[in-house]
PDB file of N, CA and C in Angstrom:
ATOM      1  N   MET A   1     117.988 170.333 115.897  1.00  0.00           N
ATOM      2  CA  MET A   1     117.073 169.191 115.872  1.00  0.00           C
ATOM      3  C   MET A   1     116.246 169.284 114.579  1.00  0.00           C
ATOM      4  N   SER A   2     116.230 168.172 113.873  1.00  0.00           N
ATOM      5  CA  SER A   2     115.521 168.171 112.609  1.00  0.00           C
ATOM      6  C   SER A   2     114.002 168.078 112.821  1.00  0.00           C
ATOM      7  N   LEU A   3     113.286 168.353 111.802  1.00  0.00           N
ATOM      8  CA  LEU A   3     111.829 168.291 111.829  1.00  0.00           C
ATOM      9  C   LEU A   3     111.364 166.870 112.188  1.00  0.00           C
ATOM     10  N   LEU A   4     112.030 165.878 111.626  1.00  0.00           N
ATOM     11  CA  LEU A   4     111.682 164.476 111.897  1.00  0.00           C
ATOM     12  C   LEU A   4     111.895 164.147 113.375  1.00  0.00           C
ATOM     13  N   ASP A   5     112.961 164.637 113.971  1.00  0.00           N
ATOM     14  CA  ASP A   5     113.227 164.420 115.387  1.00  0.00           C
ATOM     15  C   ASP A   5     112.146 165.077 116.258  1.00  0.00           C
ATOM     16  N   LYS A   6     111.723 166.236 115.865  1.00  0.00           N
ATOM     17  CA  LYS A   6     110.676 166.926 116.613  1.00  0.00           C
ATOM     18  C   LYS A   6     109.341 166.168 116.509  1.00  0.00           C
ATOM     19  N   VAL A   7     109.045 165.647 115.341  1.00  0.00           N
ATOM     20  CA  VAL A   7     107.826 164.858 115.144  1.00  0.00           C
ATOM     21  C   VAL A   7     107.888 163.600 116.014  1.00  0.00           C
ATOM     22  N   LYS A   8     109.037 162.925 116.016  1.00  0.00           N
ATOM     23  CA  LYS A   8     109.200 161.725 116.830  1.00  0.00           C
ATOM     24  C   LYS A   8     109.033 162.037 118.317  1.00  0.00           C
ATOM     25  N   GLU A   9     109.632 163.123 118.740  1.00  0.00           N
ATOM     26  CA  GLU A   9     109.550 163.519 120.136  1.00  0.00           C
ATOM     27  C   GLU A   9     108.101 163.820 120.543  1.00  0.00           C
ATOM     28  N   THR A  10     107.391 164.548 119.687  1.00  0.00           N
ATOM     29  CA  THR A  10     105.994 164.873 119.948  1.00  0.00           C
ATOM     30  C   THR A  10     105.141 163.606 119.971  1.00  0.00           C
ATOM     31  N   ALA A  11     105.387 162.697 119.087  1.00  0.00           N
ATOM     32  CA  ALA A  11     104.649 161.434 119.046  1.00  0.00           C
ATOM     33  C   ALA A  11     104.923 160.621 120.315  1.00  0.00           C
ATOM     34  N   GLN A  12     106.163 160.602 120.760  1.00  0.00           N
ATOM     35  CA  GLN A  12     106.510 159.856 121.966  1.00  0.00           C
ATOM     36  C   GLN A  12     105.835 160.477 123.196  1.00  0.00           C
ATOM     37  N   LYS A  13     105.753 161.785 123.246  1.00  0.00           N
ATOM     38  CA  LYS A  13     105.058 162.441 124.351  1.00  0.00           C
ATOM     39  C   LYS A  13     103.583 162.042 124.355  1.00  0.00           C
ATOM     40  N   GLY A  14     102.990 161.952 123.177  1.00  0.00           N
ATOM     41  CA  GLY A  14     101.595 161.536 123.068  1.00  0.00           C
ATOM     42  C   GLY A  14     101.409 160.087 123.543  1.00  0.00           C
ATOM     43  N   VAL A  15     102.310 159.227 123.175  1.00  0.00           N
ATOM     44  CA  VAL A  15     102.271 157.826 123.618  1.00  0.00           C
ATOM     45  C   VAL A  15     102.391 157.753 125.124  1.00  0.00           C
ATOM     46  N   ASP A  16     103.337 158.519 125.681  1.00  0.00           N
ATOM     47  CA  ASP A  16     103.542 158.513 127.131  1.00  0.00           C
ATOM     48  C   ASP A  16     102.300 159.003 127.865  1.00  0.00           C
ATOM     49  N   LYS A  17     101.677 160.045 127.349  1.00  0.00           N
ATOM     50  CA  LYS A  17     100.461 160.596 127.995  1.00  0.00           C
ATOM     51  C   LYS A  17      99.329 159.555 127.923  1.00  0.00           C
ATOM     52  N   THR A  18      99.236 158.859 126.809  1.00  0.00           N
ATOM     53  CA  THR A  18      98.193 157.850 126.650  1.00  0.00           C
ATOM     54  C   THR A  18      98.416 156.708 127.639  1.00  0.00           C
ATOM     55  N   LYS A  19      99.646 156.258 127.764  1.00  0.00           N
ATOM     56  CA  LYS A  19      99.946 155.183 128.727  1.00  0.00           C
ATOM     57  C   LYS A  19      99.641 155.619 130.143  1.00  0.00           C
ATOM     58  N   GLU A  20      99.944 156.880 130.467  1.00  0.00           N
ATOM     59  CA  GLU A  20      99.655 157.410 131.804  1.00  0.00           C
ATOM     60  C   GLU A  20      98.152 157.430 132.051  1.00  0.00           C
ATOM     61  N   ALA A  21      97.394 157.828 131.058  1.00  0.00           N
ATOM     62  CA  ALA A  21      95.933 157.897 131.209  1.00  0.00           C
ATOM     63  C   ALA A  21      95.345 156.491 131.375  1.00  0.00           C
ATOM     64  N   VAL A  22      95.869 155.522 130.628  1.00  0.00           N
ATOM     65  CA  VAL A  22      95.392 154.144 130.768  1.00  0.00           C
ATOM     66  C   VAL A  22      95.728 153.602 132.159  1.00  0.00           C
ATOM     67  N   ASN A  23      96.912 153.851 132.644  1.00  0.00           N
ATOM     68  CA  ASN A  23      97.290 153.394 134.011  1.00  0.00           C
ATOM     69  C   ASN A  23      96.413 154.023 135.052  1.00  0.00           C
ATOM     70  N   THR A  24      96.124 155.304 134.915  1.00  0.00           N
ATOM     71  CA  THR A  24      95.256 155.993 135.859  1.00  0.00           C
ATOM     72  C   THR A  24      93.862 155.403 135.840  1.00  0.00           C
ATOM     73  N   GLY A  25      93.355 155.117 134.660  1.00  0.00           N
ATOM     74  CA  GLY A  25      92.046 154.503 134.521  1.00  0.00           C
ATOM     75  C   GLY A  25      91.982 153.111 135.158  1.00  0.00           C
ATOM     76  N   GLN A  26      93.028 152.339 134.963  1.00  0.00           N
ATOM     77  CA  GLN A  26      93.106 151.008 135.552  1.00  0.00           C
ATOM     78  C   GLN A  26      93.162 151.100 137.073  1.00  0.00           C
ATOM     79  N   GLU A  27      93.899 152.035 137.588  1.00  0.00           N
ATOM     80  CA  GLU A  27      93.987 152.219 139.034  1.00  0.00           C
ATOM     81  C   GLU A  27      92.635 152.614 139.604  1.00  0.00           C
ATOM     82  N   LYS A  28      91.941 153.530 138.941  1.00  0.00           N
ATOM     83  CA  LYS A  28      90.613 153.959 139.418  1.00  0.00           C
ATOM     84  C   LYS A  28      89.647 152.790 139.399  1.00  0.00           C
ATOM     85  N   LEU A  29      89.697 151.952 138.352  1.00  0.00           N
ATOM     86  CA  LEU A  29      88.841 150.799 138.266  1.00  0.00           C
ATOM     87  C   LEU A  29      89.106 149.822 139.404  1.00  0.00           C
ATOM     88  N   GLU A  30      90.372 149.565 139.683  1.00  0.00           N
ATOM     89  CA  GLU A  30      90.751 148.679 140.777  1.00  0.00           C
ATOM     90  C   GLU A  30      90.298 149.251 142.124  1.00  0.00           C
ATOM     91  N   GLU A  31      90.446 150.561 142.269  1.00  0.00           N
ATOM     92  CA  GLU A  31      90.023 151.250 143.511  1.00  0.00           C
ATOM     93  C   GLU A  31      88.506 151.068 143.720  1.00  0.00           C
ATOM     94  N   ARG A  32      87.730 151.267 142.669  1.00  0.00           N
ATOM     95  CA  ARG A  32      86.266 151.113 142.774  1.00  0.00           C
ATOM     96  C   ARG A  32      85.883 149.676 143.079  1.00  0.00           C
ATOM     97  N   LYS A  33      86.623 148.737 142.496  1.00  0.00           N
ATOM     98  CA  LYS A  33      86.378 147.331 142.760  1.00  0.00           C
ATOM     99  C   LYS A  33      86.618 146.989 144.224  1.00  0.00           C
ATOM    100  N   LEU A  34      87.687 147.523 144.787  1.00  0.00           N
ATOM    101  CA  LEU A  34      87.970 147.289 146.217  1.00  0.00           C
ATOM    102  C   LEU A  34      86.907 147.932 147.100  1.00  0.00           C
ATOM    103  N   GLU A  35      86.484 149.150 146.754  1.00  0.00           N
ATOM    104  CA  GLU A  35      85.423 149.817 147.522  1.00  0.00           C
ATOM    105  C   GLU A  35      84.129 149.010 147.500  1.00  0.00           C
ATOM    106  N   LYS A  36      83.806 148.444 146.358  1.00  0.00           N
ATOM    107  CA  LYS A  36      82.593 147.599 146.234  1.00  0.00           C
ATOM    108  C   LYS A  36      82.755 146.341 147.088  1.00  0.00           C
ATOM    109  N   GLN A  37      83.919 145.750 147.070  1.00  0.00           N
ATOM    110  CA  GLN A  37      84.186 144.558 147.877  1.00  0.00           C
ATOM    111  C   GLN A  37      83.995 144.845 149.344  1.00  0.00           C
ATOM    112  N   ILE A  38      84.501 145.991 149.797  1.00  0.00           N
ATOM    113  CA  ILE A  38      84.357 146.383 151.189  1.00  0.00           C
ATOM    114  C   ILE A  38      82.879 146.579 151.527  1.00  0.00           C
ATOM    115  N   SER A  39      82.163 147.231 150.649  1.00  0.00           N
ATOM    116  CA  SER A  39      80.721 147.451 150.847  1.00  0.00           C
ATOM    117  C   SER A  39      79.972 146.122 150.966  1.00  0.00           C
ATOM    118  N   ASP A  40      80.276 145.187 150.088  1.00  0.00           N
ATOM    119  CA  ASP A  40      79.608 143.886 150.125  1.00  0.00           C
ATOM    120  C   ASP A  40      79.948 143.127 151.404  1.00  0.00           C
ATOM    121  N   LEU A  41      81.178 143.206 151.846  1.00  0.00           N
ATOM    122  CA  LEU A  41      81.577 142.537 153.081  1.00  0.00           C
ATOM    123  C   LEU A  41      80.876 143.160 154.290  1.00  0.00           C
ATOM    124  N   LYS A  42      80.763 144.473 154.295  1.00  0.00           N
ATOM    125  CA  LYS A  42      80.061 145.138 155.411  1.00  0.00           C
ATOM    126  C   LYS A  42      78.588 144.773 155.424  1.00  0.00           C
ATOM    127  N   GLU A  43      78.001 144.616 154.264  1.00  0.00           N
ATOM    128  CA  GLU A  43      76.602 144.194 154.197  1.00  0.00           C
ATOM    129  C   GLU A  43      76.442 142.783 154.763  1.00  0.00           C
ATOM    130  N   GLU A  44      77.346 141.903 154.383  1.00  0.00           N
ATOM    131  CA  GLU A  44      77.333 140.532 154.929  1.00  0.00           C
ATOM    132  C   GLU A  44      77.528 140.536 156.433  1.00  0.00           C
ATOM    133  N   LEU A  45      78.462 141.368 156.908  1.00  0.00           N
ATOM    134  CA  LEU A  45      78.730 141.486 158.337  1.00  0.00           C
ATOM    135  C   LEU A  45      77.470 141.992 159.064  1.00  0.00           C
ATOM    136  N   GLY A  46      76.806 142.954 158.492  1.00  0.00           N
ATOM    137  CA  GLY A  46      75.571 143.480 159.082  1.00  0.00           C
ATOM    138  C   GLY A  46      74.510 142.398 159.231  1.00  0.00           C
ATOM    139  N   GLY A  47      74.394 141.539 158.232  1.00  0.00           N
ATOM    140  CA  GLY A  47      73.427 140.447 158.297  1.00  0.00           C
ATOM    141  C   GLY A  47      73.727 139.499 159.432  1.00  0.00           C
ATOM    142  N   LEU A  48      75.010 139.191 159.618  1.00  0.00           N
ATOM    143  CA  LEU A  48      75.390 138.288 160.704  1.00  0.00           C
ATOM    144  C   LEU A  48      75.125 138.910 162.076  1.00  0.00           C
ATOM    145  N   VAL A  49      75.477 140.184 162.230  1.00  0.00           N
ATOM    146  CA  VAL A  49      75.247 140.858 163.497  1.00  0.00           C
ATOM    147  C   VAL A  49      73.742 140.979 163.780  1.00  0.00           C
ATOM    148  N   TYR A  50      72.980 141.305 162.748  1.00  0.00           N
ATOM    149  CA  TYR A  50      71.531 141.372 162.917  1.00  0.00           C
ATOM    150  C   TYR A  50      70.974 140.034 163.375  1.00  0.00           C
ATOM    151  N   GLY A  51      71.464 138.953 162.781  1.00  0.00           N
ATOM    152  CA  GLY A  51      71.046 137.630 163.189  1.00  0.00           C
ATOM    153  C   GLY A  51      71.356 137.355 164.656  1.00  0.00           C
ATOM    154  N   GLN A  52      72.524 137.791 165.104  1.00  0.00           N
ATOM    155  CA  GLN A  52      72.875 137.639 166.519  1.00  0.00           C
ATOM    156  C   GLN A  52      71.924 138.441 167.416  1.00  0.00           C
ATOM    157  N   LYS A  53      71.645 139.643 167.015  1.00  0.00           N
ATOM    158  CA  LYS A  53      70.838 140.530 167.875  1.00  0.00           C
ATOM    159  C   LYS A  53      69.351 140.090 167.908  1.00  0.00           C
ATOM    160  N   THR A  54      68.920 139.393 166.906  1.00  0.00           N
ATOM    161  CA  THR A  54      67.506 138.967 166.866  1.00  0.00           C
ATOM    162  C   THR A  54      67.337 137.526 167.268  1.00  0.00           C
ATOM    163  N   GLY A  55      68.407 136.889 167.685  1.00  0.00           N
ATOM    164  CA  GLY A  55      68.315 135.505 168.144  1.00  0.00           C
ATOM    165  C   GLY A  55      68.302 134.468 167.016  1.00  0.00           C
ATOM    166  N   ALA A  56      68.615 134.868 165.826  1.00  0.00           N
ATOM    167  CA  ALA A  56      68.614 133.956 164.701  1.00  0.00           C
ATOM    168  C   ALA A  56      70.022 133.776 164.133  1.00  0.00           C
ATOM    169  N   ALA A  57      71.014 133.800 165.025  1.00  0.00           N
ATOM    170  CA  ALA A  57      72.399 133.739 164.590  1.00  0.00           C
ATOM    171  C   ALA A  57      72.740 132.360 164.075  1.00  0.00           C
ATOM    172  N   ALA A  58      73.585 132.342 163.054  1.00  0.00           N
ATOM    173  CA  ALA A  58      74.094 131.072 162.536  1.00  0.00           C
ATOM    174  C   ALA A  58      75.046 130.469 163.555  1.00  0.00           C
ATOM    175  N   ASP A  59      75.214 129.145 163.495  1.00  0.00           N
ATOM    176  CA  ASP A  59      76.089 128.481 164.451  1.00  0.00           C
ATOM    177  C   ASP A  59      77.513 128.982 164.389  1.00  0.00           C
ATOM    178  N   ASN A  60      77.961 129.353 163.223  1.00  0.00           N
ATOM    179  CA  ASN A  60      79.355 129.801 163.060  1.00  0.00           C
ATOM    180  C   ASN A  60      79.466 131.341 162.942  1.00  0.00           C
ATOM    181  N   ALA A  61      78.518 132.048 163.509  1.00  0.00           N
ATOM    182  CA  ALA A  61      78.465 133.520 163.340  1.00  0.00           C
ATOM    183  C   ALA A  61      79.744 134.196 163.843  1.00  0.00           C
ATOM    184  N   GLU A  62      80.240 133.787 164.987  1.00  0.00           N
ATOM    185  CA  GLU A  62      81.430 134.462 165.517  1.00  0.00           C
ATOM    186  C   GLU A  62      82.649 134.280 164.596  1.00  0.00           C
ATOM    187  N   SER A  63      82.835 133.072 164.108  1.00  0.00           N
ATOM    188  CA  SER A  63      83.992 132.827 163.228  1.00  0.00           C
ATOM    189  C   SER A  63      83.800 133.548 161.884  1.00  0.00           C
ATOM    190  N   GLU A  64      82.582 133.611 161.415  1.00  0.00           N
ATOM    191  CA  GLU A  64      82.308 134.313 160.157  1.00  0.00           C
ATOM    192  C   GLU A  64      82.523 135.832 160.334  1.00  0.00           C
ATOM    193  N   ILE A  65      82.106 136.354 161.483  1.00  0.00           N
ATOM    194  CA  ILE A  65      82.328 137.778 161.764  1.00  0.00           C
ATOM    195  C   ILE A  65      83.830 138.072 161.778  1.00  0.00           C
ATOM    196  N   ALA A  66      84.581 137.222 162.454  1.00  0.00           N
ATOM    197  CA  ALA A  66      86.043 137.421 162.511  1.00  0.00           C
ATOM    198  C   ALA A  66      86.668 137.353 161.104  1.00  0.00           C
ATOM    199  N   ARG A  67      86.196 136.417 160.285  1.00  0.00           N
ATOM    200  CA  ARG A  67      86.711 136.279 158.940  1.00  0.00           C
ATOM    201  C   ARG A  67      86.419 137.525 158.116  1.00  0.00           C
ATOM    202  N   ILE A  68      85.182 137.985 158.200  1.00  0.00           N
ATOM    203  CA  ILE A  68      84.778 139.162 157.403  1.00  0.00           C
ATOM    204  C   ILE A  68      85.528 140.403 157.852  1.00  0.00           C
ATOM    205  N   VAL A  69      85.667 140.594 159.178  1.00  0.00           N
ATOM    206  CA  VAL A  69      86.390 141.754 159.668  1.00  0.00           C
ATOM    207  C   VAL A  69      87.848 141.693 159.171  1.00  0.00           C
ATOM    208  N   GLY A  70      88.430 140.514 159.157  1.00  0.00           N
ATOM    209  CA  GLY A  70      89.793 140.361 158.617  1.00  0.00           C
ATOM    210  C   GLY A  70      89.878 140.716 157.140  1.00  0.00           C
ATOM    211  N   GLU A  71      88.896 140.275 156.383  1.00  0.00           N
ATOM    212  CA  GLU A  71      88.876 140.605 154.950  1.00  0.00           C
ATOM    213  C   GLU A  71      88.684 142.093 154.722  1.00  0.00           C
ATOM    214  N   ILE A  72      87.802 142.720 155.505  1.00  0.00           N
ATOM    215  CA  ILE A  72      87.605 144.155 155.382  1.00  0.00           C
ATOM    216  C   ILE A  72      88.909 144.901 155.689  1.00  0.00           C
ATOM    217  N   THR A  73      89.551 144.513 156.767  1.00  0.00           N
ATOM    218  CA  THR A  73      90.800 145.142 157.178  1.00  0.00           C
ATOM    219  C   THR A  73      91.872 145.039 156.099  1.00  0.00           C
ATOM    220  N   SER A  74      92.036 143.840 155.520  1.00  0.00           N
ATOM    221  CA  SER A  74      93.065 143.672 154.503  1.00  0.00           C
ATOM    222  C   SER A  74      92.699 144.419 153.222  1.00  0.00           C
ATOM    223  N   THR A  75      91.416 144.448 152.889  1.00  0.00           N
ATOM    224  CA  THR A  75      90.992 145.152 151.681  1.00  0.00           C
ATOM    225  C   THR A  75      91.163 146.664 151.863  1.00  0.00           C
ATOM    226  N   GLU A  76      90.865 147.161 153.051  1.00  0.00           N
ATOM    227  CA  GLU A  76      91.058 148.581 153.324  1.00  0.00           C
ATOM    228  C   GLU A  76      92.544 148.962 153.250  1.00  0.00           C
ATOM    229  N   ALA A  77      93.410 148.044 153.723  1.00  0.00           N
ATOM    230  CA  ALA A  77      94.849 148.303 153.618  1.00  0.00           C
ATOM    231  C   ALA A  77      95.292 148.339 152.167  1.00  0.00           C
ATOM    232  N   GLU A  78      94.740 147.443 151.370  1.00  0.00           N
ATOM    233  CA  GLU A  78      95.031 147.423 149.937  1.00  0.00           C
ATOM    234  C   GLU A  78      94.549 148.703 149.266  1.00  0.00           C
ATOM    235  N   LEU A  79      93.367 149.164 149.656  1.00  0.00           N
ATOM    236  CA  LEU A  79      92.800 150.405 149.133  1.00  0.00           C
ATOM    237  C   LEU A  79      93.633 151.616 149.540  1.00  0.00           C
ATOM    238  N   ALA A  80      94.183 151.587 150.728  1.00  0.00           N
ATOM    239  CA  ALA A  80      94.996 152.702 151.235  1.00  0.00           C
ATOM    240  C   ALA A  80      96.258 152.889 150.385  1.00  0.00           C
ATOM    241  N   LYS A  81      96.728 151.823 149.748  1.00  0.00           N
ATOM    242  CA  LYS A  81      97.894 151.934 148.896  1.00  0.00           C
ATOM    243  C   LYS A  81      97.633 152.900 147.742  1.00  0.00           C
ATOM    244  N   PHE A  82      96.391 152.934 147.248  1.00  0.00           N
ATOM    245  CA  PHE A  82      96.037 153.874 146.169  1.00  0.00           C
ATOM    246  C   PHE A  82      96.145 155.288 146.674  1.00  0.00           C
ATOM    247  N   ALA A  83      95.744 155.540 147.887  1.00  0.00           N
ATOM    248  CA  ALA A  83      95.825 156.896 148.454  1.00  0.00           C
ATOM    249  C   ALA A  83      97.279 157.282 148.675  1.00  0.00           C
ATOM    250  N   ASP A  84      98.098 156.302 149.086  1.00  0.00           N
ATOM    251  CA  ASP A  84      99.523 156.574 149.302  1.00  0.00           C
ATOM    252  C   ASP A  84     100.223 156.892 147.995  1.00  0.00           C
ATOM    253  N   ASP A  85      99.775 156.263 146.893  1.00  0.00           N
ATOM    254  CA  ASP A  85     100.411 156.457 145.586  1.00  0.00           C
ATOM    255  C   ASP A  85      99.914 157.717 144.880  1.00  0.00           C
ATOM    256  N   ALA A  86      98.790 158.280 145.298  1.00  0.00           N
ATOM    257  CA  ALA A  86      98.176 159.375 144.620  1.00  0.00           C
ATOM    258  C   ALA A  86      99.084 160.624 144.502  1.00  0.00           C
ATOM    259  N   PRO A  87      99.724 161.104 145.570  1.00  0.00           N
ATOM    260  CA  PRO A  87     100.599 162.279 145.429  1.00  0.00           C
ATOM    261  C   PRO A  87     101.750 161.986 144.475  1.00  0.00           C
ATOM    262  N   GLU A  88     102.278 160.783 144.505  1.00  0.00           N
ATOM    263  CA  GLU A  88     103.382 160.400 143.657  1.00  0.00           C
ATOM    264  C   GLU A  88     102.955 160.447 142.194  1.00  0.00           C
ATOM    265  N   ALA A  89     101.763 159.928 141.905  1.00  0.00           N
ATOM    266  CA  ALA A  89     101.275 159.932 140.530  1.00  0.00           C
ATOM    267  C   ALA A  89     100.959 161.335 140.050  1.00  0.00           C
ATOM    268  N   ALA A  90     100.512 162.187 140.946  1.00  0.00           N
ATOM    269  CA  ALA A  90     100.160 163.538 140.568  1.00  0.00           C
ATOM    270  C   ALA A  90     101.395 164.358 140.170  1.00  0.00           C
ATOM    271  N   THR A  91     102.521 164.100 140.862  1.00  0.00           N
ATOM    272  CA  THR A  91     103.736 164.826 140.549  1.00  0.00           C
ATOM    273  C   THR A  91     104.507 164.144 139.428  1.00  0.00           C
ATOM    274  N   GLY A  92     104.258 162.826 139.243  1.00  0.00           N
ATOM    275  CA  GLY A  92     104.762 161.924 138.273  1.00  0.00           C
ATOM    276  C   GLY A  92     105.812 162.360 137.368  1.00  0.00           C
TER     277      GLY A  92
END
């Protein structure tokens, strides 16, 4: 293997590592975004339940609670995909 081939191979390894790091960063960012979305939904859900318990419930509280619980469930499932992919990415 010539010196030029070795340089090319080393450069390609550097590019591959950089791409891997960028992908990992993007995944972490998306994961944090989903966690924040879940937190916001739970806060909204808490407000609706509090309204029910204090007698100040909105007319559509039950349907809103069902909608929010559905959104939380689907977002948690989406977030779980990151956990499922983690061992795969680690062994990559």
